[in-house]
Amino acid sequence: MSFAPFTRVMARTVLALAAAATVLGGCTSYAPAPKSFQEATIQPYRLDSGDRLRVSVFDQPGLTNTYTVDQAGYVAFPLIGQVAARGQTLPALEASIASRLKQGYLRDPDVTIEVDRYRPVFVMGEVGRPGQYSYVPGMTAQNAIAIAGGFTSRGNQRDVDVTRKINAQVITGRTSISAPVLAGDTIYVRERLF
């Protein structure tokens, strides 16, 4: 009686189980979203590249205009040049522009800023039309997926992987589809296993 065929079958079975464990282990490679994900959604909005701002300087029509935060994170503003905007809140940027205008240009500048257009969200994976979409305040992952053509027949409709920049660090975490998203987020819809 030979044990060679039995040994080969056992070796194949062990290899198949190891491969399945590796594949299933890869499905859980993303941890649930850290606490900082939820905290970021209730913090004041932080500016970044791609945001378009409506800047008003009271009684100065030549300075009142829309300006875009460039790839380096700056706004090119008349008279004062480049102003750092990345990571700033709107009130902080207002104060920064007013302070620089006060240095030899205007006596008491009154600067107000509103976001004219937020940077986009990106929806990828098992959706009808993956791509870049306009962000709207209060948007959830489910809203973004609906705008991107909804789930494909293979899409996991329970939770999604969201990649977000928090304090200059890019973090990916798994959240429910009802979780709020932020401008600049990337939402990835995974394929269902069954």
N, C-alpha and C. Protein backbone atom coordinates (compact mmCIF):
# COMPACT_ATOMS: atom_id res chain seq x y z
N MET A 1 0.84 -1.17 0.00
CA MET A 1 0.00 0.00 0.00
C MET A 1 0.89 1.24 0.00
N SER A 2 0.64 2.18 -0.93
CA SER A 2 1.46 3.37 -1.08
C SER A 2 0.76 4.58 -0.49
N PHE A 3 1.52 5.37 0.25
CA PHE A 3 0.99 6.59 0.84
C PHE A 3 1.31 7.84 0.01
N ALA A 4 2.02 7.69 -1.11
CA ALA A 4 2.42 8.84 -1.94
C ALA A 4 1.21 9.62 -2.47
N PRO A 5 0.16 8.95 -3.06
CA PRO A 5 -0.99 9.73 -3.54
C PRO A 5 -1.69 10.46 -2.37
N PHE A 6 -1.79 9.78 -1.23
CA PHE A 6 -2.43 10.39 -0.06
C PHE A 6 -1.64 11.62 0.40
N THR A 7 -0.33 11.53 0.40
CA THR A 7 0.53 12.63 0.80
C THR A 7 0.37 13.82 -0.14
N ARG A 8 0.29 13.53 -1.47
CA ARG A 8 0.09 14.62 -2.44
C ARG A 8 -1.25 15.30 -2.25
N VAL A 9 -2.29 14.53 -1.99
CA VAL A 9 -3.63 15.10 -1.77
C VAL A 9 -3.61 15.97 -0.50
N MET A 10 -2.99 15.51 0.53
CA MET A 10 -2.89 16.29 1.78
C MET A 10 -2.10 17.58 1.55
N ALA A 11 -1.01 17.48 0.80
CA ALA A 11 -0.19 18.67 0.52
C ALA A 11 -1.00 19.69 -0.26
N ARG A 12 -1.77 19.22 -1.27
CA ARG A 12 -2.62 20.13 -2.05
C ARG A 12 -3.69 20.76 -1.16
N THR A 13 -4.27 19.99 -0.28
CA THR A 13 -5.31 20.50 0.62
C THR A 13 -4.74 21.56 1.55
N VAL A 14 -3.57 21.31 2.09
CA VAL A 14 -2.93 22.28 2.98
C VAL A 14 -2.62 23.57 2.20
N LEU A 15 -2.11 23.43 0.97
CA LEU A 15 -1.83 24.61 0.14
C LEU A 15 -3.10 25.38 -0.18
N ALA A 16 -4.18 24.67 -0.51
CA ALA A 16 -5.45 25.34 -0.81
C ALA A 16 -5.99 26.07 0.41
N LEU A 17 -5.89 25.46 1.58
CA LEU A 17 -6.35 26.12 2.81
C LEU A 17 -5.49 27.34 3.13
N ALA A 18 -4.19 27.24 2.91
CA ALA A 18 -3.30 28.38 3.16
C ALA A 18 -3.63 29.52 2.21
N ALA A 19 -3.91 29.20 0.93
CA ALA A 19 -4.27 30.24 -0.04
C ALA A 19 -5.60 30.88 0.35
N ALA A 20 -6.57 30.08 0.77
CA ALA A 20 -7.87 30.63 1.18
C ALA A 20 -7.71 31.52 2.40
N ALA A 21 -6.89 31.12 3.34
CA ALA A 21 -6.66 31.94 4.53
C ALA A 21 -6.02 33.28 4.15
N THR A 22 -5.09 33.22 3.19
CA THR A 22 -4.44 34.46 2.73
C THR A 22 -5.46 35.38 2.07
N VAL A 23 -6.31 34.82 1.19
CA VAL A 23 -7.33 35.63 0.50
C VAL A 23 -8.31 36.21 1.51
N LEU A 24 -8.83 35.39 2.41
CA LEU A 24 -9.78 35.88 3.40
C LEU A 24 -9.12 36.84 4.38
N GLY A 25 -7.85 36.62 4.68
CA GLY A 25 -7.12 37.55 5.54
C GLY A 25 -6.99 38.90 4.88
N GLY A 26 -6.83 38.93 3.55
CA GLY A 26 -6.75 40.18 2.81
C GLY A 26 -8.04 40.96 2.86
N CYS A 27 -9.16 40.26 3.05
CA CYS A 27 -10.46 40.94 3.12
C CYS A 27 -10.58 41.76 4.39
N THR A 28 -9.80 41.42 5.39
CA THR A 28 -9.89 42.17 6.64
C THR A 28 -8.66 43.04 6.86
N SER A 29 -7.96 43.39 5.77
CA SER A 29 -6.73 44.15 5.93
C SER A 29 -7.00 45.58 6.41
N TYR A 30 -8.19 46.13 6.15
CA TYR A 30 -8.51 47.46 6.64
C TYR A 30 -9.21 47.35 7.98
N ALA A 31 -8.73 48.13 8.90
CA ALA A 31 -9.34 48.15 10.22
C ALA A 31 -10.57 49.05 10.18
N PRO A 32 -11.44 48.91 11.15
CA PRO A 32 -12.55 49.87 11.23
C PRO A 32 -11.98 51.28 11.34
N ALA A 33 -12.77 52.23 10.90
CA ALA A 33 -12.31 53.62 10.91
C ALA A 33 -11.92 54.03 12.32
N PRO A 34 -10.77 54.68 12.47
CA PRO A 34 -10.35 55.11 13.81
C PRO A 34 -11.26 56.23 14.32
N LYS A 35 -11.17 56.49 15.59
CA LYS A 35 -12.00 57.52 16.22
C LYS A 35 -11.81 58.88 15.56
N SER A 36 -10.60 59.15 15.05
CA SER A 36 -10.32 60.43 14.41
C SER A 36 -11.16 60.65 13.15
N PHE A 37 -11.65 59.56 12.51
CA PHE A 37 -12.53 59.70 11.34
C PHE A 37 -13.80 60.44 11.73
N GLN A 38 -14.46 59.97 12.77
CA GLN A 38 -15.71 60.58 13.22
C GLN A 38 -15.45 61.99 13.73
N GLU A 39 -14.37 62.16 14.48
CA GLU A 39 -14.04 63.49 15.02
C GLU A 39 -13.79 64.50 13.90
N ALA A 40 -13.19 64.06 12.79
CA ALA A 40 -12.90 64.97 11.68
C ALA A 40 -14.18 65.52 11.06
N THR A 41 -15.28 64.75 11.12
CA THR A 41 -16.53 65.21 10.50
C THR A 41 -17.22 66.29 11.31
N ILE A 42 -16.85 66.47 12.57
CA ILE A 42 -17.49 67.51 13.39
C ILE A 42 -16.56 68.68 13.67
N GLN A 43 -15.34 68.62 13.13
CA GLN A 43 -14.38 69.72 13.29
C GLN A 43 -14.68 70.81 12.26
N PRO A 44 -14.19 72.03 12.50
CA PRO A 44 -14.34 73.08 11.47
C PRO A 44 -13.66 72.65 10.18
N TYR A 45 -14.22 73.07 9.06
CA TYR A 45 -13.70 72.69 7.75
C TYR A 45 -12.28 73.21 7.57
N ARG A 46 -11.40 72.33 7.08
CA ARG A 46 -10.00 72.69 6.80
C ARG A 46 -9.79 72.74 5.30
N LEU A 47 -9.20 73.81 4.84
CA LEU A 47 -8.98 74.02 3.42
C LEU A 47 -7.85 73.15 2.88
N ASP A 48 -7.93 72.84 1.58
CA ASP A 48 -6.87 72.10 0.92
C ASP A 48 -6.92 72.38 -0.57
N SER A 49 -5.99 71.82 -1.32
CA SER A 49 -5.89 72.03 -2.76
C SER A 49 -7.21 71.68 -3.44
N GLY A 50 -7.63 72.56 -4.34
CA GLY A 50 -8.86 72.32 -5.10
C GLY A 50 -10.06 73.08 -4.58
N ASP A 51 -10.01 73.59 -3.36
CA ASP A 51 -11.12 74.39 -2.84
C ASP A 51 -11.12 75.74 -3.55
N ARG A 52 -12.29 76.20 -3.96
CA ARG A 52 -12.42 77.53 -4.56
C ARG A 52 -13.14 78.42 -3.55
N LEU A 53 -12.55 79.57 -3.27
CA LEU A 53 -13.03 80.45 -2.21
C LEU A 53 -13.56 81.76 -2.78
N ARG A 54 -14.62 82.25 -2.17
CA ARG A 54 -15.15 83.57 -2.49
C ARG A 54 -14.66 84.51 -1.39
N VAL A 55 -13.70 85.37 -1.73
CA VAL A 55 -13.11 86.28 -0.75
C VAL A 55 -13.67 87.67 -0.99
N SER A 56 -14.23 88.26 0.07
CA SER A 56 -14.78 89.62 0.00
C SER A 56 -13.98 90.51 0.94
N VAL A 57 -13.50 91.63 0.40
CA VAL A 57 -12.83 92.64 1.21
C VAL A 57 -13.75 93.86 1.16
N PHE A 58 -14.32 94.21 2.29
CA PHE A 58 -15.32 95.29 2.36
C PHE A 58 -14.78 96.57 1.73
N ASP A 59 -15.58 97.13 0.83
CA ASP A 59 -15.29 98.40 0.18
C ASP A 59 -14.04 98.34 -0.72
N GLN A 60 -13.66 97.13 -1.16
CA GLN A 60 -12.51 96.95 -2.05
C GLN A 60 -12.89 96.00 -3.20
N PRO A 61 -13.66 96.50 -4.18
CA PRO A 61 -14.11 95.62 -5.27
C PRO A 61 -12.96 95.01 -6.08
N GLY A 62 -11.82 95.67 -6.11
CA GLY A 62 -10.68 95.13 -6.85
C GLY A 62 -10.06 93.90 -6.20
N LEU A 63 -10.30 93.71 -4.91
CA LEU A 63 -9.75 92.55 -4.19
C LEU A 63 -10.79 91.45 -4.01
N THR A 64 -12.07 91.81 -4.10
CA THR A 64 -13.15 90.85 -3.91
C THR A 64 -13.27 89.99 -5.18
N ASN A 65 -13.10 88.67 -5.00
CA ASN A 65 -13.09 87.77 -6.16
C ASN A 65 -13.12 86.32 -5.66
N THR A 66 -13.10 85.37 -6.61
CA THR A 66 -12.94 83.96 -6.24
C THR A 66 -11.50 83.55 -6.49
N TYR A 67 -10.98 82.75 -5.58
CA TYR A 67 -9.59 82.30 -5.63
C TYR A 67 -9.56 80.81 -5.34
N THR A 68 -8.66 80.09 -6.00
CA THR A 68 -8.56 78.64 -5.81
C THR A 68 -7.29 78.32 -5.03
N VAL A 69 -7.40 77.38 -4.10
CA VAL A 69 -6.23 76.89 -3.38
C VAL A 69 -5.46 76.00 -4.35
N ASP A 70 -4.20 76.37 -4.64
CA ASP A 70 -3.42 75.65 -5.65
C ASP A 70 -2.87 74.34 -5.09
N GLN A 71 -2.16 73.60 -5.94
CA GLN A 71 -1.63 72.28 -5.55
C GLN A 71 -0.65 72.36 -4.39
N ALA A 72 0.02 73.49 -4.26
CA ALA A 72 0.96 73.65 -3.15
C ALA A 72 0.27 74.09 -1.87
N GLY A 73 -1.03 74.40 -1.94
CA GLY A 73 -1.78 74.77 -0.74
C GLY A 73 -1.86 76.27 -0.49
N TYR A 74 -1.60 77.07 -1.52
CA TYR A 74 -1.60 78.53 -1.38
C TYR A 74 -2.70 79.18 -2.20
N VAL A 75 -3.08 80.38 -1.79
CA VAL A 75 -3.98 81.23 -2.56
C VAL A 75 -3.16 82.43 -3.02
N ALA A 76 -3.19 82.70 -4.33
CA ALA A 76 -2.50 83.88 -4.88
C ALA A 76 -3.44 85.06 -4.75
N PHE A 77 -3.10 86.01 -3.87
CA PHE A 77 -3.98 87.13 -3.57
C PHE A 77 -3.32 88.44 -4.02
N PRO A 78 -4.08 89.33 -4.66
CA PRO A 78 -3.50 90.60 -5.12
C PRO A 78 -2.84 91.38 -3.97
N LEU A 79 -1.82 92.08 -4.28
CA LEU A 79 -1.03 92.93 -3.39
C LEU A 79 -0.12 92.14 -2.46
N ILE A 80 -0.63 91.09 -1.86
CA ILE A 80 0.15 90.40 -0.82
C ILE A 80 0.78 89.09 -1.29
N GLY A 81 0.43 88.62 -2.48
CA GLY A 81 1.04 87.41 -3.04
C GLY A 81 0.46 86.12 -2.48
N GLN A 82 1.32 85.13 -2.31
CA GLN A 82 0.90 83.79 -1.88
C GLN A 82 0.56 83.77 -0.38
N VAL A 83 -0.62 83.22 -0.07
CA VAL A 83 -1.06 83.08 1.32
C VAL A 83 -1.30 81.60 1.58
N ALA A 84 -0.67 81.05 2.61
CA ALA A 84 -0.84 79.63 2.95
C ALA A 84 -2.28 79.37 3.37
N ALA A 85 -2.93 78.40 2.69
CA ALA A 85 -4.33 78.08 2.99
C ALA A 85 -4.52 76.63 3.45
N ARG A 86 -3.64 75.73 3.01
CA ARG A 86 -3.81 74.30 3.35
C ARG A 86 -3.83 74.11 4.87
N GLY A 87 -4.88 73.41 5.33
CA GLY A 87 -5.00 73.11 6.75
C GLY A 87 -5.62 74.23 7.56
N GLN A 88 -5.86 75.38 6.94
CA GLN A 88 -6.44 76.53 7.66
C GLN A 88 -7.96 76.42 7.72
N THR A 89 -8.55 76.98 8.76
CA THR A 89 -10.00 77.16 8.80
C THR A 89 -10.30 78.48 8.09
N LEU A 90 -11.56 78.70 7.77
CA LEU A 90 -11.93 79.96 7.11
C LEU A 90 -11.60 81.17 7.99
N PRO A 91 -11.96 81.18 9.29
CA PRO A 91 -11.61 82.35 10.12
C PRO A 91 -10.09 82.59 10.20
N ALA A 92 -9.30 81.53 10.23
CA ALA A 92 -7.84 81.69 10.30
C ALA A 92 -7.31 82.31 9.01
N LEU A 93 -7.84 81.88 7.87
CA LEU A 93 -7.39 82.45 6.60
C LEU A 93 -7.85 83.91 6.47
N GLU A 94 -9.06 84.21 6.92
CA GLU A 94 -9.53 85.61 6.93
C GLU A 94 -8.57 86.48 7.72
N ALA A 95 -8.19 86.03 8.89
CA ALA A 95 -7.28 86.80 9.75
C ALA A 95 -5.91 86.95 9.10
N SER A 96 -5.43 85.90 8.45
CA SER A 96 -4.12 85.94 7.80
C SER A 96 -4.11 86.96 6.65
N ILE A 97 -5.14 86.94 5.82
CA ILE A 97 -5.21 87.89 4.70
C ILE A 97 -5.36 89.31 5.22
N ALA A 98 -6.24 89.52 6.23
CA ALA A 98 -6.44 90.85 6.80
C ALA A 98 -5.14 91.39 7.40
N SER A 99 -4.41 90.53 8.09
CA SER A 99 -3.15 90.94 8.72
C SER A 99 -2.14 91.38 7.67
N ARG A 100 -2.03 90.63 6.59
CA ARG A 100 -1.07 90.98 5.55
C ARG A 100 -1.50 92.23 4.77
N LEU A 101 -2.83 92.41 4.59
CA LEU A 101 -3.31 93.63 3.92
C LEU A 101 -3.07 94.87 4.78
N LYS A 102 -3.06 94.69 6.09
CA LYS A 102 -2.87 95.78 7.03
C LYS A 102 -1.43 96.30 7.00
N GLN A 103 -0.52 95.48 6.50
CA GLN A 103 0.90 95.85 6.46
C GLN A 103 1.21 96.72 5.25
N GLY A 104 0.65 97.95 5.26
CA GLY A 104 0.98 98.91 4.23
C GLY A 104 0.01 99.04 3.08
N TYR A 105 -1.11 98.28 3.09
CA TYR A 105 -2.04 98.36 1.96
C TYR A 105 -3.39 98.97 2.37
N LEU A 106 -4.00 98.46 3.42
CA LEU A 106 -5.30 98.95 3.89
C LEU A 106 -5.21 99.24 5.38
N ARG A 107 -5.96 100.25 5.81
CA ARG A 107 -5.91 100.65 7.21
C ARG A 107 -6.58 99.61 8.13
N ASP A 108 -7.81 99.26 7.83
CA ASP A 108 -8.53 98.30 8.68
C ASP A 108 -9.34 97.36 7.78
N PRO A 109 -8.69 96.38 7.14
CA PRO A 109 -9.40 95.51 6.18
C PRO A 109 -10.41 94.59 6.87
N ASP A 110 -11.57 94.47 6.25
CA ASP A 110 -12.63 93.58 6.72
C ASP A 110 -12.77 92.47 5.69
N VAL A 111 -12.22 91.29 6.00
CA VAL A 111 -12.16 90.18 5.05
C VAL A 111 -13.13 89.08 5.49
N THR A 112 -13.96 88.62 4.54
CA THR A 112 -14.82 87.46 4.80
C THR A 112 -14.60 86.45 3.68
N ILE A 113 -14.62 85.18 4.03
CA ILE A 113 -14.38 84.11 3.06
C ILE A 113 -15.46 83.05 3.19
N GLU A 114 -15.95 82.59 2.04
CA GLU A 114 -16.88 81.46 1.97
C GLU A 114 -16.32 80.46 0.97
N VAL A 115 -16.65 79.19 1.15
CA VAL A 115 -16.25 78.19 0.17
C VAL A 115 -17.24 78.27 -0.99
N ASP A 116 -16.73 78.58 -2.17
CA ASP A 116 -17.55 78.67 -3.38
C ASP A 116 -17.76 77.28 -3.98
N ARG A 117 -16.71 76.47 -3.96
CA ARG A 117 -16.79 75.08 -4.44
C ARG A 117 -15.79 74.25 -3.66
N TYR A 118 -16.28 73.17 -3.07
CA TYR A 118 -15.41 72.28 -2.30
C TYR A 118 -14.61 71.38 -3.24
N ARG A 119 -13.47 70.90 -2.76
CA ARG A 119 -12.71 69.92 -3.54
C ARG A 119 -13.57 68.65 -3.66
N PRO A 120 -13.36 67.86 -4.70
CA PRO A 120 -14.26 66.73 -4.97
C PRO A 120 -14.02 65.53 -4.06
N VAL A 121 -14.98 64.60 -4.10
CA VAL A 121 -14.80 63.27 -3.52
C VAL A 121 -14.58 62.32 -4.68
N PHE A 122 -13.93 61.21 -4.39
CA PHE A 122 -13.63 60.21 -5.41
C PHE A 122 -14.32 58.92 -5.00
N VAL A 123 -15.06 58.32 -5.94
CA VAL A 123 -15.79 57.08 -5.65
C VAL A 123 -15.25 56.02 -6.60
N MET A 124 -14.76 54.92 -6.03
CA MET A 124 -14.12 53.86 -6.81
C MET A 124 -14.68 52.50 -6.43
N GLY A 125 -14.30 51.50 -7.20
CA GLY A 125 -14.69 50.13 -6.90
C GLY A 125 -15.97 49.74 -7.60
N GLU A 126 -16.80 49.00 -6.89
CA GLU A 126 -18.01 48.40 -7.46
C GLU A 126 -19.19 49.38 -7.48
N VAL A 127 -19.03 50.45 -8.31
CA VAL A 127 -20.11 51.41 -8.53
C VAL A 127 -20.31 51.56 -10.03
N GLY A 128 -21.47 52.09 -10.41
CA GLY A 128 -21.81 52.21 -11.83
C GLY A 128 -20.85 53.08 -12.62
N ARG A 129 -20.48 54.26 -12.07
CA ARG A 129 -19.60 55.19 -12.78
C ARG A 129 -18.52 55.70 -11.83
N PRO A 130 -17.45 54.92 -11.63
CA PRO A 130 -16.38 55.38 -10.74
C PRO A 130 -15.82 56.70 -11.25
N GLY A 131 -15.43 57.57 -10.32
CA GLY A 131 -14.84 58.83 -10.75
C GLY A 131 -14.84 59.88 -9.66
N GLN A 132 -14.68 61.13 -10.11
CA GLN A 132 -14.59 62.29 -9.23
C GLN A 132 -15.93 63.02 -9.27
N TYR A 133 -16.45 63.38 -8.08
CA TYR A 133 -17.76 64.02 -8.00
C TYR A 133 -17.71 65.21 -7.04
N SER A 134 -18.58 66.17 -7.28
CA SER A 134 -18.65 67.37 -6.44
C SER A 134 -19.08 66.99 -5.03
N TYR A 135 -18.43 67.59 -4.06
CA TYR A 135 -18.79 67.39 -2.66
C TYR A 135 -19.85 68.40 -2.25
N VAL A 136 -20.79 67.95 -1.44
CA VAL A 136 -21.82 68.81 -0.87
C VAL A 136 -21.77 68.61 0.64
N PRO A 137 -21.75 69.69 1.44
CA PRO A 137 -21.73 69.52 2.90
C PRO A 137 -22.88 68.62 3.36
N GLY A 138 -22.57 67.72 4.29
CA GLY A 138 -23.56 66.78 4.81
C GLY A 138 -23.65 65.49 4.02
N MET A 139 -22.83 65.34 3.00
CA MET A 139 -22.84 64.14 2.15
C MET A 139 -22.42 62.91 2.94
N THR A 140 -23.09 61.79 2.68
CA THR A 140 -22.71 60.51 3.27
C THR A 140 -22.08 59.65 2.18
N ALA A 141 -21.48 58.54 2.58
CA ALA A 141 -20.91 57.61 1.60
C ALA A 141 -22.01 57.11 0.66
N GLN A 142 -23.19 56.85 1.19
CA GLN A 142 -24.30 56.37 0.38
C GLN A 142 -24.73 57.42 -0.66
N ASN A 143 -24.75 58.71 -0.28
CA ASN A 143 -25.07 59.77 -1.25
C ASN A 143 -24.05 59.77 -2.38
N ALA A 144 -22.76 59.69 -2.03
CA ALA A 144 -21.70 59.72 -3.03
C ALA A 144 -21.81 58.52 -3.97
N ILE A 145 -22.12 57.35 -3.42
CA ILE A 145 -22.27 56.14 -4.24
C ILE A 145 -23.46 56.29 -5.19
N ALA A 146 -24.55 56.88 -4.69
CA ALA A 146 -25.73 57.09 -5.54
C ALA A 146 -25.39 58.01 -6.71
N ILE A 147 -24.64 59.07 -6.45
CA ILE A 147 -24.23 60.00 -7.51
C ILE A 147 -23.34 59.29 -8.52
N ALA A 148 -22.56 58.31 -8.06
CA ALA A 148 -21.65 57.56 -8.92
C ALA A 148 -22.34 56.38 -9.60
N GLY A 149 -23.65 56.39 -9.68
CA GLY A 149 -24.37 55.34 -10.40
C GLY A 149 -24.82 54.17 -9.55
N GLY A 150 -24.68 54.27 -8.24
CA GLY A 150 -25.12 53.20 -7.36
C GLY A 150 -24.18 52.01 -7.36
N PHE A 151 -24.55 51.01 -6.57
CA PHE A 151 -23.75 49.79 -6.45
C PHE A 151 -23.90 48.93 -7.70
N THR A 152 -22.84 48.23 -8.09
CA THR A 152 -22.97 47.20 -9.11
C THR A 152 -23.60 45.98 -8.43
N SER A 153 -23.93 44.97 -9.23
CA SER A 153 -24.53 43.77 -8.65
C SER A 153 -23.57 43.05 -7.71
N ARG A 154 -22.27 43.31 -7.85
CA ARG A 154 -21.27 42.66 -7.00
C ARG A 154 -20.84 43.53 -5.82
N GLY A 155 -21.36 44.75 -5.72
CA GLY A 155 -20.90 45.68 -4.70
C GLY A 155 -21.34 45.31 -3.29
N ASN A 156 -20.44 45.47 -2.34
CA ASN A 156 -20.75 45.26 -0.92
C ASN A 156 -21.54 46.47 -0.45
N GLN A 157 -22.79 46.28 -0.06
CA GLN A 157 -23.66 47.39 0.30
C GLN A 157 -23.72 47.64 1.80
N ARG A 158 -22.88 46.97 2.55
CA ARG A 158 -22.91 47.10 3.99
C ARG A 158 -21.96 48.17 4.51
N ASP A 159 -20.71 48.15 4.03
CA ASP A 159 -19.73 49.13 4.48
C ASP A 159 -18.74 49.43 3.35
N VAL A 160 -17.98 50.50 3.50
CA VAL A 160 -17.03 50.94 2.48
C VAL A 160 -15.71 51.29 3.14
N ASP A 161 -14.66 51.37 2.33
CA ASP A 161 -13.37 51.83 2.80
C ASP A 161 -13.22 53.30 2.40
N VAL A 162 -12.93 54.14 3.37
CA VAL A 162 -12.78 55.58 3.12
C VAL A 162 -11.33 55.96 3.43
N THR A 163 -10.72 56.68 2.48
CA THR A 163 -9.37 57.21 2.68
C THR A 163 -9.50 58.70 2.86
N ARG A 164 -8.92 59.21 3.93
CA ARG A 164 -9.09 60.62 4.31
C ARG A 164 -7.77 61.16 4.84
N LYS A 165 -7.52 62.42 4.56
CA LYS A 165 -6.34 63.09 5.12
C LYS A 165 -6.76 63.75 6.43
N ILE A 166 -6.10 63.36 7.53
CA ILE A 166 -6.38 63.92 8.85
C ILE A 166 -5.05 64.38 9.43
N ASN A 167 -4.94 65.67 9.75
CA ASN A 167 -3.70 66.24 10.29
C ASN A 167 -2.49 65.88 9.43
N ALA A 168 -2.64 66.07 8.12
CA ALA A 168 -1.58 65.82 7.13
C ALA A 168 -1.18 64.35 7.02
N GLN A 169 -1.97 63.45 7.58
CA GLN A 169 -1.71 62.02 7.49
C GLN A 169 -2.86 61.36 6.76
N VAL A 170 -2.55 60.50 5.77
CA VAL A 170 -3.58 59.81 5.00
C VAL A 170 -3.91 58.50 5.72
N ILE A 171 -5.19 58.34 6.05
CA ILE A 171 -5.66 57.18 6.82
C ILE A 171 -6.81 56.53 6.06
N THR A 172 -6.83 55.19 6.03
CA THR A 172 -7.95 54.45 5.44
C THR A 172 -8.62 53.64 6.54
N GLY A 173 -9.94 53.70 6.55
CA GLY A 173 -10.70 52.93 7.54
C GLY A 173 -12.02 52.48 6.95
N ARG A 174 -12.58 51.46 7.54
CA ARG A 174 -13.85 50.90 7.08
C ARG A 174 -14.99 51.56 7.86
N THR A 175 -15.99 52.09 7.13
CA THR A 175 -17.13 52.74 7.77
C THR A 175 -18.42 52.22 7.16
N SER A 176 -19.53 52.51 7.82
CA SER A 176 -20.83 52.14 7.26
C SER A 176 -21.15 53.08 6.10
N ILE A 177 -22.08 52.68 5.25
CA ILE A 177 -22.41 53.52 4.10
C ILE A 177 -23.17 54.78 4.53
N SER A 178 -23.68 54.80 5.75
CA SER A 178 -24.40 55.99 6.22
C SER A 178 -23.48 57.00 6.89
N ALA A 179 -22.18 56.69 6.96
CA ALA A 179 -21.23 57.60 7.62
C ALA A 179 -21.02 58.84 6.76
N PRO A 180 -20.84 60.00 7.40
CA PRO A 180 -20.56 61.21 6.63
C PRO A 180 -19.19 61.15 5.99
N VAL A 181 -19.06 61.80 4.84
CA VAL A 181 -17.77 61.92 4.17
C VAL A 181 -17.38 63.39 4.12
N LEU A 182 -16.11 63.64 3.86
CA LEU A 182 -15.59 65.00 3.78
C LEU A 182 -15.06 65.26 2.39
N ALA A 183 -14.96 66.53 2.04
CA ALA A 183 -14.37 66.91 0.75
C ALA A 183 -12.96 66.33 0.68
N GLY A 184 -12.61 65.76 -0.46
CA GLY A 184 -11.30 65.17 -0.66
C GLY A 184 -11.23 63.70 -0.32
N ASP A 185 -12.28 63.13 0.29
CA ASP A 185 -12.28 61.70 0.64
C ASP A 185 -12.31 60.83 -0.62
N THR A 186 -11.75 59.62 -0.49
CA THR A 186 -11.87 58.59 -1.52
C THR A 186 -12.68 57.46 -0.91
N ILE A 187 -13.77 57.10 -1.58
CA ILE A 187 -14.67 56.06 -1.10
C ILE A 187 -14.49 54.86 -2.01
N TYR A 188 -14.18 53.71 -1.43
CA TYR A 188 -13.96 52.50 -2.22
C TYR A 188 -14.99 51.45 -1.83
N VAL A 189 -15.79 51.01 -2.83
CA VAL A 189 -16.79 49.97 -2.61
C VAL A 189 -16.17 48.63 -3.01
N ARG A 190 -16.06 47.75 -2.03
CA ARG A 190 -15.46 46.44 -2.27
C ARG A 190 -16.46 45.48 -2.94
N GLU A 191 -15.93 44.40 -3.48
CA GLU A 191 -16.77 43.36 -4.05
C GLU A 191 -17.25 42.44 -2.93
N ARG A 192 -18.53 42.03 -3.02
CA ARG A 192 -19.08 41.06 -2.06
C ARG A 192 -18.41 39.72 -2.23
N LEU A 193 -18.27 38.98 -1.14
CA LEU A 193 -17.70 37.64 -1.25
C LEU A 193 -18.75 36.65 -1.73
N PHE A 194 -20.02 36.87 -1.36
CA PHE A 194 -21.07 35.91 -1.72
C PHE A 194 -22.23 36.63 -2.34
